[in-house]
């Protein structure tokens, strides 16, 4: 499995990668610093799963998901974000996000996501 991690914080991308490994993930990881960079990489990278922050410069996570949908791309995307209000969760769901993991997160949250993606 290939996972794309999108977050404007390099440290957070490293933490997410480490947490994925601790949750049992053994695949490859590609990274992007914002939604615009990720959108350019999506076609060539073809990840099985995208883990995306909500708030980023240039293009936010929700804007990226809207671009993916507008371009009829089939991408499994979920958010890993400090945004966790019911309104944000609802907007993410309506836009087509598979899940929303709140920061700070646990290994178990990623284990659940990996199992869900594997089953889908």
PDB file of N, CA and C in Angstrom:
ATOM      1  N   UNK A   1       0.844  -1.182   0.000  1.00  0.00           N
ATOM      2  CA  UNK A   1       0.000   0.000   0.000  1.00  0.00           C
ATOM      3  C   UNK A   1       0.888   1.243   0.000  1.00  0.00           C
ATOM      4  N   UNK A   2       0.463   2.255  -0.737  1.00  0.00           N
ATOM      5  CA  UNK A   2       1.173   3.530  -0.776  1.00  0.00           C
ATOM      6  C   UNK A   2       0.296   4.599  -0.142  1.00  0.00           C
ATOM      7  N   UNK A   3       0.890   5.370   0.764  1.00  0.00           N
ATOM      8  CA  UNK A   3       0.176   6.440   1.459  1.00  0.00           C
ATOM      9  C   UNK A   3       0.828   7.775   1.134  1.00  0.00           C
ATOM     10  N   UNK A   4      -0.013   8.772   0.844  1.00  0.00           N
ATOM     11  CA  UNK A   4       0.466  10.142   0.671  1.00  0.00           C
ATOM     12  C   UNK A   4       0.082  10.932   1.921  1.00  0.00           C
ATOM     13  N   UNK A   5       1.067  11.588   2.520  1.00  0.00           N
ATOM     14  CA  UNK A   5       0.836  12.424   3.695  1.00  0.00           C
ATOM     15  C   UNK A   5       0.997  13.872   3.268  1.00  0.00           C
ATOM     16  N   UNK A   6      -0.042  14.670   3.529  1.00  0.00           N
ATOM     17  CA  UNK A   6      -0.033  16.081   3.128  1.00  0.00           C
ATOM     18  C   UNK A   6      -0.196  16.932   4.382  1.00  0.00           C
ATOM     19  N   UNK A   7       0.829  17.696   4.680  1.00  0.00           N
ATOM     20  CA  UNK A   7       0.791  18.597   5.838  1.00  0.00           C
ATOM     21  C   UNK A   7       1.869  19.650   5.619  1.00  0.00           C
ATOM     22  N   UNK A   8       1.576  20.890   5.956  1.00  0.00           N
ATOM     23  CA  UNK A   8       2.566  21.947   5.762  1.00  0.00           C
ATOM     24  C   UNK A   8       3.692  21.879   6.788  1.00  0.00           C
ATOM     25  N   UNK A   9       3.544  21.086   7.824  1.00  0.00           N
ATOM     26  CA  UNK A   9       4.584  20.909   8.825  1.00  0.00           C
ATOM     27  C   UNK A   9       5.383  19.631   8.533  1.00  0.00           C
ATOM     28  N   UNK A  10       6.662  19.796   8.256  1.00  0.00           N
ATOM     29  CA  UNK A  10       7.520  18.632   8.001  1.00  0.00           C
ATOM     30  C   UNK A  10       7.563  17.736   9.231  1.00  0.00           C
ATOM     31  N   UNK A  11       7.617  18.351  10.417  1.00  0.00           N
ATOM     32  CA  UNK A  11       7.649  17.574  11.659  1.00  0.00           C
ATOM     33  C   UNK A  11       6.388  16.720  11.792  1.00  0.00           C
ATOM     34  N   UNK A  12       5.237  17.295  11.462  1.00  0.00           N
ATOM     35  CA  UNK A  12       3.987  16.535  11.560  1.00  0.00           C
ATOM     36  C   UNK A  12       3.974  15.392  10.546  1.00  0.00           C
ATOM     37  N   UNK A  13       4.487  15.611   9.347  1.00  0.00           N
ATOM     38  CA  UNK A  13       4.566  14.522   8.364  1.00  0.00           C
ATOM     39  C   UNK A  13       5.415  13.376   8.913  1.00  0.00           C
ATOM     40  N   UNK A  14       6.514  13.716   9.603  1.00  0.00           N
ATOM     41  CA  UNK A  14       7.369  12.695  10.199  1.00  0.00           C
ATOM     42  C   UNK A  14       6.652  11.957  11.329  1.00  0.00           C
ATOM     43  N   UNK A  15       5.896  12.680  12.139  1.00  0.00           N
ATOM     44  CA  UNK A  15       5.148  12.072  13.240  1.00  0.00           C
ATOM     45  C   UNK A  15       4.083  11.128  12.688  1.00  0.00           C
ATOM     46  N   UNK A  16       3.376  11.549  11.658  1.00  0.00           N
ATOM     47  CA  UNK A  16       2.344  10.695  11.054  1.00  0.00           C
ATOM     48  C   UNK A  16       2.980   9.441  10.467  1.00  0.00           C
ATOM     49  N   UNK A  17       4.100   9.589   9.788  1.00  0.00           N
ATOM     50  CA  UNK A  17       4.789   8.423   9.223  1.00  0.00           C
ATOM     51  C   UNK A  17       5.187   7.453  10.325  1.00  0.00           C
ATOM     52  N   UNK A  18       5.765   7.976  11.398  1.00  0.00           N
ATOM     53  CA  UNK A  18       6.161   7.122  12.526  1.00  0.00           C
ATOM     54  C   UNK A  18       4.952   6.424  13.134  1.00  0.00           C
ATOM     55  N   UNK A  19       3.864   7.160  13.299  1.00  0.00           N
ATOM     56  CA  UNK A  19       2.661   6.575  13.887  1.00  0.00           C
ATOM     57  C   UNK A  19       2.082   5.487  12.990  1.00  0.00           C
ATOM     58  N   UNK A  20       2.102   5.709  11.685  1.00  0.00           N
ATOM     59  CA  UNK A  20       1.652   4.672  10.748  1.00  0.00           C
ATOM     60  C   UNK A  20       2.474   3.396  10.926  1.00  0.00           C
ATOM     61  N   UNK A  21       3.779   3.538  11.013  1.00  0.00           N
ATOM     62  CA  UNK A  21       4.666   2.379  11.191  1.00  0.00           C
ATOM     63  C   UNK A  21       4.349   1.667  12.508  1.00  0.00           C
ATOM     64  N   UNK A  22       4.126   2.440  13.571  1.00  0.00           N
ATOM     65  CA  UNK A  22       3.800   1.855  14.872  1.00  0.00           C
ATOM     66  C   UNK A  22       2.447   1.149  14.835  1.00  0.00           C
ATOM     67  N   UNK A  23       1.595   1.577  13.923  1.00  0.00           N
ATOM     68  CA  UNK A  23       0.269   0.957  13.773  1.00  0.00           C
ATOM     69  C   UNK A  23       0.323  -0.268  12.863  1.00  0.00           C
ATOM     70  N   UNK A  24       1.520  -0.611  12.371  1.00  0.00           N
ATOM     71  CA  UNK A  24       1.668  -1.811  11.563  1.00  0.00           C
ATOM     72  C   UNK A  24       1.786  -1.585  10.073  1.00  0.00           C
ATOM     73  N   UNK A  25       1.815  -0.341   9.633  1.00  0.00           N
ATOM     74  CA  UNK A  25       1.919  -0.036   8.209  1.00  0.00           C
ATOM     75  C   UNK A  25       3.321  -0.363   7.701  1.00  0.00           C
ATOM     76  N   UNK A  26       3.384  -1.076   6.578  1.00  0.00           N
ATOM     77  CA  UNK A  26       4.677  -1.479   6.029  1.00  0.00           C
ATOM     78  C   UNK A  26       4.876  -1.020   4.584  1.00  0.00           C
ATOM     79  N   UNK A  27       4.002  -0.180   4.078  1.00  0.00           N
ATOM     80  CA  UNK A  27       4.095   0.255   2.687  1.00  0.00           C
ATOM     81  C   UNK A  27       4.995   1.452   2.510  1.00  0.00           C
ATOM     82  N   UNK A  28       4.834   2.115   1.365  1.00  0.00           N
ATOM     83  CA  UNK A  28       5.652   3.290   1.065  1.00  0.00           C
ATOM     84  C   UNK A  28       4.875   4.570   1.345  1.00  0.00           C
ATOM     85  N   UNK A  29       5.631   5.635   1.573  1.00  0.00           N
ATOM     86  CA  UNK A  29       5.044   6.933   1.908  1.00  0.00           C
ATOM     87  C   UNK A  29       5.602   7.992   0.959  1.00  0.00           C
ATOM     88  N   UNK A  30       4.722   8.828   0.434  1.00  0.00           N
ATOM     89  CA  UNK A  30       5.123  10.024  -0.302  1.00  0.00           C
ATOM     90  C   UNK A  30       4.551  11.214   0.441  1.00  0.00           C
ATOM     91  N   UNK A  31       5.200  12.357   0.326  1.00  0.00           N
ATOM     92  CA  UNK A  31       4.796  13.534   1.093  1.00  0.00           C
ATOM     93  C   UNK A  31       4.586  14.741   0.201  1.00  0.00           C
ATOM     94  N   UNK A  32       3.693  15.615   0.660  1.00  0.00           N
ATOM     95  CA  UNK A  32       3.465  16.910   0.020  1.00  0.00           C
ATOM     96  C   UNK A  32       3.238  17.939   1.121  1.00  0.00           C
ATOM     97  N   UNK A  33       3.621  19.182   0.845  1.00  0.00           N
ATOM     98  CA  UNK A  33       3.544  20.238   1.850  1.00  0.00           C
ATOM     99  C   UNK A  33       2.245  21.041   1.802  1.00  0.00           C
ATOM    100  N   UNK A  34       1.441  20.860   0.745  1.00  0.00           N
ATOM    101  CA  UNK A  34       0.154  21.561   0.666  1.00  0.00           C
ATOM    102  C   UNK A  34      -0.711  20.880  -0.389  1.00  0.00           C
ATOM    103  N   UNK A  35      -1.951  21.304  -0.475  1.00  0.00           N
ATOM    104  CA  UNK A  35      -2.889  20.679  -1.395  1.00  0.00           C
ATOM    105  C   UNK A  35      -2.520  20.838  -2.853  1.00  0.00           C
ATOM    106  N   UNK A  36      -1.974  21.990  -3.233  1.00  0.00           N
ATOM    107  CA  UNK A  36      -1.609  22.214  -4.635  1.00  0.00           C
ATOM    108  C   UNK A  36      -0.483  21.268  -5.052  1.00  0.00           C
ATOM    109  N   UNK A  37       0.522  21.137  -4.209  1.00  0.00           N
ATOM    110  CA  UNK A  37       1.628  20.221  -4.496  1.00  0.00           C
ATOM    111  C   UNK A  37       1.104  18.781  -4.578  1.00  0.00           C
ATOM    112  N   UNK A  38       0.229  18.429  -3.648  1.00  0.00           N
ATOM    113  CA  UNK A  38      -0.333  17.076  -3.630  1.00  0.00           C
ATOM    114  C   UNK A  38      -1.152  16.808  -4.888  1.00  0.00           C
ATOM    115  N   UNK A  39      -1.953  17.777  -5.308  1.00  0.00           N
ATOM    116  CA  UNK A  39      -2.795  17.584  -6.495  1.00  0.00           C
ATOM    117  C   UNK A  39      -1.923  17.286  -7.714  1.00  0.00           C
ATOM    118  N   UNK A  40      -0.805  17.981  -7.842  1.00  0.00           N
ATOM    119  CA  UNK A  40       0.117  17.732  -8.955  1.00  0.00           C
ATOM    120  C   UNK A  40       0.732  16.337  -8.874  1.00  0.00           C
ATOM    121  N   UNK A  41       0.962  15.858  -7.659  1.00  0.00           N
ATOM    122  CA  UNK A  41       1.611  14.564  -7.458  1.00  0.00           C
ATOM    123  C   UNK A  41       0.653  13.375  -7.552  1.00  0.00           C
ATOM    124  N   UNK A  42      -0.632  13.611  -7.358  1.00  0.00           N
ATOM    125  CA  UNK A  42      -1.591  12.509  -7.242  1.00  0.00           C
ATOM    126  C   UNK A  42      -1.591  11.568  -8.445  1.00  0.00           C
ATOM    127  N   UNK A  43      -1.560  12.095  -9.630  1.00  0.00           N
ATOM    128  CA  UNK A  43      -1.631  11.233 -10.808  1.00  0.00           C
ATOM    129  C   UNK A  43      -0.398  10.350 -10.930  1.00  0.00           C
ATOM    130  N   UNK A  44       0.764  10.904 -10.707  1.00  0.00           N
ATOM    131  CA  UNK A  44       1.983  10.106 -10.859  1.00  0.00           C
ATOM    132  C   UNK A  44       2.219   9.187  -9.664  1.00  0.00           C
ATOM    133  N   UNK A  45       1.823   9.620  -8.469  1.00  0.00           N
ATOM    134  CA  UNK A  45       2.056   8.816  -7.264  1.00  0.00           C
ATOM    135  C   UNK A  45       1.042   7.692  -7.101  1.00  0.00           C
ATOM    136  N   UNK A  46      -0.192   7.946  -7.488  1.00  0.00           N
ATOM    137  CA  UNK A  46      -1.296   6.994  -7.364  1.00  0.00           C
ATOM    138  C   UNK A  46      -1.329   6.305  -5.997  1.00  0.00           C
ATOM    139  N   UNK A  47      -1.487   7.086  -4.916  1.00  0.00           N
ATOM    140  CA  UNK A  47      -1.522   6.478  -3.585  1.00  0.00           C
ATOM    141  C   UNK A  47      -2.820   5.707  -3.346  1.00  0.00           C
ATOM    142  N   UNK A  48      -2.735   4.719  -2.476  1.00  0.00           N
ATOM    143  CA  UNK A  48      -3.914   3.959  -2.067  1.00  0.00           C
ATOM    144  C   UNK A  48      -4.719   4.715  -1.021  1.00  0.00           C
ATOM    145  N   UNK A  49      -4.031   5.596  -0.296  1.00  0.00           N
ATOM    146  CA  UNK A  49      -4.659   6.365   0.767  1.00  0.00           C
ATOM    147  C   UNK A  49      -3.956   7.708   0.887  1.00  0.00           C
ATOM    148  N   UNK A  50      -4.756   8.766   1.102  1.00  0.00           N
ATOM    149  CA  UNK A  50      -4.220  10.108   1.335  1.00  0.00           C
ATOM    150  C   UNK A  50      -4.623  10.550   2.731  1.00  0.00           C
ATOM    151  N   UNK A  51      -3.618  10.951   3.516  1.00  0.00           N
ATOM    152  CA  UNK A  51      -3.832  11.507   4.854  1.00  0.00           C
ATOM    153  C   UNK A  51      -3.503  12.990   4.758  1.00  0.00           C
ATOM    154  N   UNK A  52      -4.498  13.832   4.986  1.00  0.00           N
ATOM    155  CA  UNK A  52      -4.357  15.253   4.660  1.00  0.00           C
ATOM    156  C   UNK A  52      -4.729  16.152   5.834  1.00  0.00           C
ATOM    157  N   UNK A  53      -3.912  17.171   6.049  1.00  0.00           N
ATOM    158  CA  UNK A  53      -4.237  18.211   7.019  1.00  0.00           C
ATOM    159  C   UNK A  53      -5.359  19.075   6.434  1.00  0.00           C
ATOM    160  N   UNK A  54      -6.092  19.766   7.266  1.00  0.00           N
ATOM    161  CA  UNK A  54      -7.182  20.632   6.814  1.00  0.00           C
ATOM    162  C   UNK A  54      -6.656  22.018   6.457  1.00  0.00           C
ATOM    163  N   UNK A  55      -5.882  22.616   7.383  1.00  0.00           N
ATOM    164  CA  UNK A  55      -5.404  23.988   7.214  1.00  0.00           C
ATOM    165  C   UNK A  55      -3.972  23.998   6.696  1.00  0.00           C
ATOM    166  N   UNK A  56      -3.802  24.478   5.467  1.00  0.00           N
ATOM    167  CA  UNK A  56      -2.476  24.599   4.855  1.00  0.00           C
ATOM    168  C   UNK A  56      -2.476  25.811   3.943  1.00  0.00           C
ATOM    169  N   UNK A  57      -1.291  26.410   3.740  1.00  0.00           N
ATOM    170  CA  UNK A  57      -1.215  27.519   2.777  1.00  0.00           C
ATOM    171  C   UNK A  57      -1.333  26.994   1.349  1.00  0.00           C
ATOM    172  N   UNK A  58      -1.523  27.867   0.419  1.00  0.00           N
ATOM    173  CA  UNK A  58      -1.634  27.618  -1.022  1.00  0.00           C
ATOM    174  C   UNK A  58      -2.958  26.934  -1.358  1.00  0.00           C
ATOM    175  N   UNK A  59      -3.186  25.718  -0.855  1.00  0.00           N
ATOM    176  CA  UNK A  59      -4.459  25.024  -1.059  1.00  0.00           C
ATOM    177  C   UNK A  59      -4.738  24.176   0.182  1.00  0.00           C
ATOM    178  N   UNK A  60      -5.873  24.407   0.826  1.00  0.00           N
ATOM    179  CA  UNK A  60      -6.223  23.659   2.035  1.00  0.00           C
ATOM    180  C   UNK A  60      -6.621  22.227   1.692  1.00  0.00           C
ATOM    181  N   UNK A  61      -6.763  21.434   2.725  1.00  0.00           N
ATOM    182  CA  UNK A  61      -7.169  20.047   2.529  1.00  0.00           C
ATOM    183  C   UNK A  61      -8.562  19.917   1.933  1.00  0.00           C
ATOM    184  N   UNK A  62      -9.503  20.729   2.395  1.00  0.00           N
ATOM    185  CA  UNK A  62     -10.863  20.634   1.868  1.00  0.00           C
ATOM    186  C   UNK A  62     -10.890  21.121   0.417  1.00  0.00           C
ATOM    187  N   UNK A  63     -10.088  22.133   0.084  1.00  0.00           N
ATOM    188  CA  UNK A  63     -10.001  22.587  -1.306  1.00  0.00           C
ATOM    189  C   UNK A  63      -9.406  21.487  -2.191  1.00  0.00           C
ATOM    190  N   UNK A  64      -8.421  20.764  -1.664  1.00  0.00           N
ATOM    191  CA  UNK A  64      -7.845  19.644  -2.411  1.00  0.00           C
ATOM    192  C   UNK A  64      -8.911  18.592  -2.670  1.00  0.00           C
ATOM    193  N   UNK A  65      -9.663  18.226  -1.653  1.00  0.00           N
ATOM    194  CA  UNK A  65     -10.704  17.213  -1.824  1.00  0.00           C
ATOM    195  C   UNK A  65     -11.742  17.674  -2.848  1.00  0.00           C
ATOM    196  N   UNK A  66     -12.099  18.951  -2.822  1.00  0.00           N
ATOM    197  CA  UNK A  66     -13.045  19.487  -3.810  1.00  0.00           C
ATOM    198  C   UNK A  66     -12.464  19.416  -5.227  1.00  0.00           C
ATOM    199  N   UNK A  67     -11.162  19.673  -5.377  1.00  0.00           N
ATOM    200  CA  UNK A  67     -10.501  19.569  -6.686  1.00  0.00           C
ATOM    201  C   UNK A  67     -10.493  18.117  -7.174  1.00  0.00           C
ATOM    202  N   UNK A  68     -10.224  17.208  -6.274  1.00  0.00           N
ATOM    203  CA  UNK A  68     -10.213  15.778  -6.612  1.00  0.00           C
ATOM    204  C   UNK A  68     -11.588  15.367  -7.130  1.00  0.00           C
ATOM    205  N   UNK A  69     -12.618  15.782  -6.415  1.00  0.00           N
ATOM    206  CA  UNK A  69     -13.994  15.457  -6.807  1.00  0.00           C
ATOM    207  C   UNK A  69     -14.351  16.105  -8.146  1.00  0.00           C
ATOM    208  N   UNK A  70     -13.992  17.373  -8.314  1.00  0.00           N
ATOM    209  CA  UNK A  70     -14.307  18.094  -9.555  1.00  0.00           C
ATOM    210  C   UNK A  70     -13.626  17.470 -10.764  1.00  0.00           C
ATOM    211  N   UNK A  71     -12.499  16.803 -10.552  1.00  0.00           N
ATOM    212  CA  UNK A  71     -11.758  16.175 -11.640  1.00  0.00           C
ATOM    213  C   UNK A  71     -12.037  14.671 -11.749  1.00  0.00           C
ATOM    214  N   UNK A  72     -13.093  14.228 -11.060  1.00  0.00           N
ATOM    215  CA  UNK A  72     -13.517  12.818 -11.103  1.00  0.00           C
ATOM    216  C   UNK A  72     -12.389  11.838 -10.808  1.00  0.00           C
ATOM    217  N   UNK A  73     -11.539  12.197  -9.873  1.00  0.00           N
ATOM    218  CA  UNK A  73     -10.445  11.313  -9.477  1.00  0.00           C
ATOM    219  C   UNK A  73     -10.929  10.401  -8.357  1.00  0.00           C
ATOM    220  N   UNK A  74     -10.522   9.173  -8.405  1.00  0.00           N
ATOM    221  CA  UNK A  74     -10.900   8.207  -7.375  1.00  0.00           C
ATOM    222  C   UNK A  74      -9.754   8.094  -6.379  1.00  0.00           C
ATOM    223  N   UNK A  75      -9.906   8.767  -5.241  1.00  0.00           N
ATOM    224  CA  UNK A  75      -8.866   8.804  -4.225  1.00  0.00           C
ATOM    225  C   UNK A  75      -9.502   8.602  -2.856  1.00  0.00           C
ATOM    226  N   UNK A  76      -8.930   7.701  -2.075  1.00  0.00           N
ATOM    227  CA  UNK A  76      -9.377   7.510  -0.692  1.00  0.00           C
ATOM    228  C   UNK A  76      -8.637   8.525   0.167  1.00  0.00           C
ATOM    229  N   UNK A  77      -9.376   9.514   0.684  1.00  0.00           N
ATOM    230  CA  UNK A  77      -8.775  10.599   1.440  1.00  0.00           C
ATOM    231  C   UNK A  77      -9.444  10.742   2.788  1.00  0.00           C
ATOM    232  N   UNK A  78      -8.616  10.941   3.796  1.00  0.00           N
ATOM    233  CA  UNK A  78      -9.098  11.255   5.131  1.00  0.00           C
ATOM    234  C   UNK A  78      -8.261  12.374   5.707  1.00  0.00           C
ATOM    235  N   UNK A  79      -8.827  13.065   6.675  1.00  0.00           N
ATOM    236  CA  UNK A  79      -8.139  14.196   7.279  1.00  0.00           C
ATOM    237  C   UNK A  79      -7.483  13.804   8.602  1.00  0.00           C
ATOM    238  N   UNK A  80      -6.296  14.349   8.822  1.00  0.00           N
ATOM    239  CA  UNK A  80      -5.591  14.262  10.092  1.00  0.00           C
ATOM    240  C   UNK A  80      -5.370  15.716  10.478  1.00  0.00           C
ATOM    241  N   UNK A  81      -6.181  16.203  11.408  1.00  0.00           N
ATOM    242  CA  UNK A  81      -6.242  17.645  11.620  1.00  0.00           C
ATOM    243  C   UNK A  81      -6.613  18.004  13.054  1.00  0.00           C
ATOM    244  N   UNK A  82      -6.286  19.226  13.437  1.00  0.00           N
ATOM    245  CA  UNK A  82      -6.719  19.736  14.737  1.00  0.00           C
ATOM    246  C   UNK A  82      -8.161  20.245  14.665  1.00  0.00           C
ATOM    247  N   UNK A  83      -8.695  20.356  13.466  1.00  0.00           N
ATOM    248  CA  UNK A  83     -10.088  20.765  13.271  1.00  0.00           C
ATOM    249  C   UNK A  83     -10.988  19.561  13.548  1.00  0.00           C
ATOM    250  N   UNK A  84     -11.848  19.666  14.551  1.00  0.00           N
ATOM    251  CA  UNK A  84     -12.679  18.500  14.862  1.00  0.00           C
ATOM    252  C   UNK A  84     -14.092  18.866  15.309  1.00  0.00           C
ATOM    253  N   UNK A  85     -14.509  20.077  15.011  1.00  0.00           N
ATOM    254  CA  UNK A  85     -15.858  20.480  15.389  1.00  0.00           C
ATOM    255  C   UNK A  85     -16.876  19.663  14.597  1.00  0.00           C
ATOM    256  N   UNK A  86     -18.084  19.540  15.111  1.00  0.00           N
ATOM    257  CA  UNK A  86     -19.115  18.820  14.351  1.00  0.00           C
ATOM    258  C   UNK A  86     -19.331  19.404  12.949  1.00  0.00           C
ATOM    259  N   UNK A  87     -19.238  20.723  12.805  1.00  0.00           N
ATOM    260  CA  UNK A  87     -19.431  21.348  11.488  1.00  0.00           C
ATOM    261  C   UNK A  87     -18.320  20.943  10.521  1.00  0.00           C
ATOM    262  N   UNK A  88     -17.091  20.897  10.997  1.00  0.00           N
ATOM    263  CA  UNK A  88     -15.959  20.481  10.150  1.00  0.00           C
ATOM    264  C   UNK A  88     -16.106  19.011   9.786  1.00  0.00           C
ATOM    265  N   UNK A  89     -16.453  18.186  10.767  1.00  0.00           N
ATOM    266  CA  UNK A  89     -16.647  16.755  10.497  1.00  0.00           C
ATOM    267  C   UNK A  89     -17.735  16.542   9.442  1.00  0.00           C
ATOM    268  N   UNK A  90     -18.814  17.295   9.535  1.00  0.00           N
ATOM    269  CA  UNK A  90     -19.909  17.174   8.576  1.00  0.00           C
ATOM    270  C   UNK A  90     -19.466  17.640   7.190  1.00  0.00           C
ATOM    271  N   UNK A  91     -18.737  18.752   7.142  1.00  0.00           N
ATOM    272  CA  UNK A  91     -18.264  19.251   5.834  1.00  0.00           C
ATOM    273  C   UNK A  91     -17.316  18.246   5.184  1.00  0.00           C
ATOM    274  N   UNK A  92     -16.452  17.644   5.977  1.00  0.00           N
ATOM    275  CA  UNK A  92     -15.519  16.640   5.448  1.00  0.00           C
ATOM    276  C   UNK A  92     -16.288  15.445   4.896  1.00  0.00           C
ATOM    277  N   UNK A  93     -17.272  14.990   5.638  1.00  0.00           N
ATOM    278  CA  UNK A  93     -18.080  13.836   5.208  1.00  0.00           C
ATOM    279  C   UNK A  93     -18.834  14.160   3.920  1.00  0.00           C
ATOM    280  N   UNK A  94     -19.458  15.340   3.869  1.00  0.00           N
ATOM    281  CA  UNK A  94     -20.219  15.741   2.684  1.00  0.00           C
ATOM    282  C   UNK A  94     -19.320  15.872   1.451  1.00  0.00           C
ATOM    283  N   UNK A  95     -18.055  16.268   1.663  1.00  0.00           N
ATOM    284  CA  UNK A  95     -17.122  16.433   0.547  1.00  0.00           C
ATOM    285  C   UNK A  95     -16.550  15.100   0.068  1.00  0.00           C
ATOM    286  N   UNK A  96     -16.784  14.037   0.851  1.00  0.00           N
ATOM    287  CA  UNK A  96     -16.336  12.718   0.423  1.00  0.00           C
ATOM    288  C   UNK A  96     -15.168  12.139   1.187  1.00  0.00           C
ATOM    289  N   UNK A  97     -14.786  12.768   2.300  1.00  0.00           N
ATOM    290  CA  UNK A  97     -13.701  12.218   3.117  1.00  0.00           C
ATOM    291  C   UNK A  97     -14.135  10.900   3.745  1.00  0.00           C
ATOM    292  N   UNK A  98     -13.208   9.945   3.812  1.00  0.00           N
ATOM    293  CA  UNK A  98     -13.497   8.647   4.416  1.00  0.00           C
ATOM    294  C   UNK A  98     -13.535   8.730   5.937  1.00  0.00           C
ATOM    295  N   UNK A  99     -12.757   9.646   6.527  1.00  0.00           N
ATOM    296  CA  UNK A  99     -12.629   9.724   7.982  1.00  0.00           C
ATOM    297  C   UNK A  99     -11.989  11.049   8.352  1.00  0.00           C
ATOM    298  N   UNK A 100     -12.000  11.352   9.644  1.00  0.00           N
ATOM    299  CA  UNK A 100     -11.294  12.507  10.180  1.00  0.00           C
ATOM    300  C   UNK A 100     -10.663  12.062  11.489  1.00  0.00           C
ATOM    301  N   UNK A 101      -9.338  12.085  11.548  1.00  0.00           N
ATOM    302  CA  UNK A 101      -8.599  11.774  12.768  1.00  0.00           C
ATOM    303  C   UNK A 101      -8.187  13.099  13.385  1.00  0.00           C
ATOM    304  N   UNK A 102      -8.518  13.282  14.661  1.00  0.00           N
ATOM    305  CA  UNK A 102      -8.186  14.520  15.353  1.00  0.00           C
ATOM    306  C   UNK A 102      -6.781  14.467  15.943  1.00  0.00           C
ATOM    307  N   UNK A 103      -6.067  15.579  15.817  1.00  0.00           N
ATOM    308  CA  UNK A 103      -4.777  15.733  16.492  1.00  0.00           C
ATOM    309  C   UNK A 103      -5.066  16.218  17.907  1.00  0.00           C
ATOM    310  N   UNK A 104      -4.381  15.745  18.918  1.00  0.00           N
ATOM    311  CA  UNK A 104      -3.384  14.678  18.882  1.00  0.00           C
ATOM    312  C   UNK A 104      -4.064  13.324  18.664  1.00  0.00           C
ATOM    313  N   UNK A 105      -3.366  12.410  18.021  1.00  0.00           N
ATOM    314  CA  UNK A 105      -3.937  11.123  17.648  1.00  0.00           C
ATOM    315  C   UNK A 105      -3.171   9.978  18.307  1.00  0.00           C
ATOM    316  N   UNK A 106      -3.715   8.787  18.148  1.00  0.00           N
ATOM    317  CA  UNK A 106      -3.120   7.585  18.733  1.00  0.00           C
ATOM    318  C   UNK A 106      -2.788   6.578  17.634  1.00  0.00           C
ATOM    319  N   UNK A 107      -1.950   5.620  17.963  1.00  0.00           N
ATOM    320  CA  UNK A 107      -1.662   4.524  17.034  1.00  0.00           C
ATOM    321  C   UNK A 107      -2.952   3.803  16.658  1.00  0.00           C
ATOM    322  N   UNK A 108      -3.839   3.640  17.638  1.00  0.00           N
ATOM    323  CA  UNK A 108      -5.088   2.917  17.424  1.00  0.00           C
ATOM    324  C   UNK A 108      -5.964   3.586  16.373  1.00  0.00           C
ATOM    325  N   UNK A 109      -5.958   4.913  16.339  1.00  0.00           N
ATOM    326  CA  UNK A 109      -6.749   5.627  15.325  1.00  0.00           C
ATOM    327  C   UNK A 109      -6.258   5.265  13.928  1.00  0.00           C
ATOM    328  N   UNK A 110      -4.950   5.154  13.768  1.00  0.00           N
ATOM    329  CA  UNK A 110      -4.394   4.789  12.464  1.00  0.00           C
ATOM    330  C   UNK A 110      -4.603   3.311  12.153  1.00  0.00           C
ATOM    331  N   UNK A 111      -4.563   2.461  13.177  1.00  0.00           N
ATOM    332  CA  UNK A 111      -4.847   1.038  12.966  1.00  0.00           C
ATOM    333  C   UNK A 111      -6.248   0.861  12.400  1.00  0.00           C
ATOM    334  N   UNK A 112      -7.223   1.579  12.973  1.00  0.00           N
ATOM    335  CA  UNK A 112      -8.608   1.502  12.499  1.00  0.00           C
ATOM    336  C   UNK A 112      -8.713   1.941  11.037  1.00  0.00           C
ATOM    337  N   UNK A 113      -8.044   3.035  10.696  1.00  0.00           N
ATOM    338  CA  UNK A 113      -8.087   3.552   9.328  1.00  0.00           C
ATOM    339  C   UNK A 113      -7.466   2.553   8.361  1.00  0.00           C
ATOM    340  N   UNK A 114      -6.316   2.001   8.715  1.00  0.00           N
ATOM    341  CA  UNK A 114      -5.645   1.043   7.845  1.00  0.00           C
ATOM    342  C   UNK A 114      -6.519  -0.188   7.611  1.00  0.00           C
ATOM    343  N   UNK A 115      -7.197  -0.648   8.655  1.00  0.00           N
ATOM    344  CA  UNK A 115      -8.102  -1.792   8.514  1.00  0.00           C
ATOM    345  C   UNK A 115      -9.283  -1.428   7.631  1.00  0.00           C
ATOM    346  N   UNK A 116      -9.830  -0.239   7.780  1.00  0.00           N
ATOM    347  CA  UNK A 116     -10.966   0.211   6.982  1.00  0.00           C
ATOM    348  C   UNK A 116     -10.579   0.283   5.496  1.00  0.00           C
ATOM    349  N   UNK A 117      -9.409   0.843   5.219  1.00  0.00           N
ATOM    350  CA  UNK A 117      -8.961   0.975   3.829  1.00  0.00           C
ATOM    351  C   UNK A 117      -8.692  -0.395   3.224  1.00  0.00           C
ATOM    352  N   UNK A 118      -8.103  -1.291   3.999  1.00  0.00           N
ATOM    353  CA  UNK A 118      -7.805  -2.639   3.515  1.00  0.00           C
ATOM    354  C   UNK A 118      -9.095  -3.390   3.184  1.00  0.00           C
ATOM    355  N   UNK A 119     -10.151  -3.117   3.948  1.00  0.00           N
ATOM    356  CA  UNK A 119     -11.425  -3.801   3.751  1.00  0.00           C
ATOM    357  C   UNK A 119     -12.234  -3.204   2.588  1.00  0.00           C
ATOM    358  N   UNK A 120     -11.935  -1.956   2.233  1.00  0.00           N
ATOM    359  CA  UNK A 120     -12.712  -1.258   1.193  1.00  0.00           C
ATOM    360  C   UNK A 120     -12.362  -1.720  -0.195  1.00  0.00           C
TER     361      UNK A 120
END
